[in-house]
Amino acid sequence: MSDEPLTLTVLAKFHREVIAPEFARIAEHLARHDARFDTIDGHFDAIDKRFDRLETEYHMLVAGLKRVE
């Protein structure tokens, strides 16, 4: 360890050189993650709409078959 006394200047330097870059790296990683999540979320929404249409069509077919029977 350094023999340098722990002062506000030393803490500010440590923050600037160690903590701030790490937080910036984490924020960048989260931004990329959020962008990928938004893309995946869009795909899930599209799939959900397709299933909703298929379910509606299924119920219409079942009702039509009951009328035929």
Protein backbone atom coordinates (compact mmCIF):
# COMPACT_ATOMS: atom_id res chain seq x y z
CA MET A 1 0.00 0.00 0.00
CA SER A 2 0.95 3.53 -0.54
CA ASP A 3 2.13 5.67 2.34
CA GLU A 4 0.21 8.59 0.89
CA PRO A 5 -2.27 10.03 3.42
CA LEU A 6 -5.94 9.53 2.68
CA THR A 7 -7.20 12.97 1.73
CA LEU A 8 -10.07 14.26 -0.35
CA THR A 9 -7.64 14.88 -3.22
CA VAL A 10 -6.42 11.28 -3.10
CA LEU A 11 -9.99 9.98 -2.97
CA ALA A 12 -10.99 12.22 -5.91
CA LYS A 13 -8.01 10.95 -7.91
CA PHE A 14 -8.92 7.33 -7.08
CA HIS A 15 -12.52 7.96 -8.14
CA ARG A 16 -11.45 9.62 -11.39
CA GLU A 17 -8.91 6.92 -12.31
CA VAL A 18 -10.55 3.74 -11.00
CA ILE A 19 -14.22 4.09 -10.10
CA ALA A 20 -15.50 6.42 -12.85
CA PRO A 21 -14.08 4.37 -15.77
CA GLU A 22 -15.54 1.19 -14.27
CA PHE A 23 -18.98 2.78 -13.94
CA ALA A 24 -18.71 4.03 -17.54
CA ARG A 25 -17.87 0.49 -18.70
CA ILE A 26 -20.84 -0.92 -16.79
CA ALA A 27 -23.19 1.74 -18.20
CA GLU A 28 -22.01 0.93 -21.74
CA HIS A 29 -22.55 -2.78 -21.14
CA LEU A 30 -26.06 -2.12 -19.80
CA ALA A 31 -26.90 0.03 -22.82
CA ARG A 32 -25.91 -2.81 -25.17
CA HIS A 33 -27.87 -5.26 -23.05
CA ASP A 34 -30.96 -3.01 -23.09
CA ALA A 35 -30.77 -2.70 -26.89
CA ARG A 36 -30.63 -6.49 -27.26
CA PHE A 37 -33.46 -6.92 -24.78
CA ASP A 38 -35.61 -4.44 -26.72
CA THR A 39 -35.03 -6.45 -29.91
CA ILE A 40 -35.95 -9.71 -28.21
CA ASP A 41 -38.98 -8.08 -26.60
CA GLY A 42 -40.14 -6.96 -30.05
CA HIS A 43 -39.86 -10.54 -31.31
CA PHE A 44 -41.92 -11.81 -28.38
CA ASP A 45 -44.60 -9.20 -29.11
CA ALA A 46 -44.78 -10.34 -32.74
CA ILE A 47 -45.06 -13.99 -31.68
CA ASP A 48 -47.77 -13.10 -29.18
CA LYS A 49 -49.78 -11.35 -31.91
CA ARG A 50 -49.46 -14.40 -34.16
CA PHE A 51 -50.65 -16.73 -31.40
CA ASP A 52 -53.58 -14.41 -30.70
CA ARG A 53 -54.62 -14.53 -34.36
CA LEU A 54 -54.25 -18.32 -34.43
CA GLU A 55 -56.29 -18.68 -31.27
CA THR A 56 -59.05 -16.51 -32.71
CA GLU A 57 -59.04 -18.51 -35.92
CA TYR A 58 -59.12 -21.78 -33.94
CA HIS A 59 -62.21 -20.66 -32.02
CA MET A 60 -63.89 -19.58 -35.25
CA LEU A 61 -63.17 -23.00 -36.83
CA VAL A 62 -64.49 -24.85 -33.76
CA ALA A 63 -67.68 -22.77 -33.83
CA GLY A 64 -68.09 -23.40 -37.57
CA LEU A 65 -67.63 -27.16 -37.15
CA LYS A 66 -70.21 -27.23 -34.37
CA ARG A 67 -72.71 -25.54 -36.69
CA VAL A 68 -71.97 -28.08 -39.43
CA GLU A 69 -72.41 -31.01 -37.06
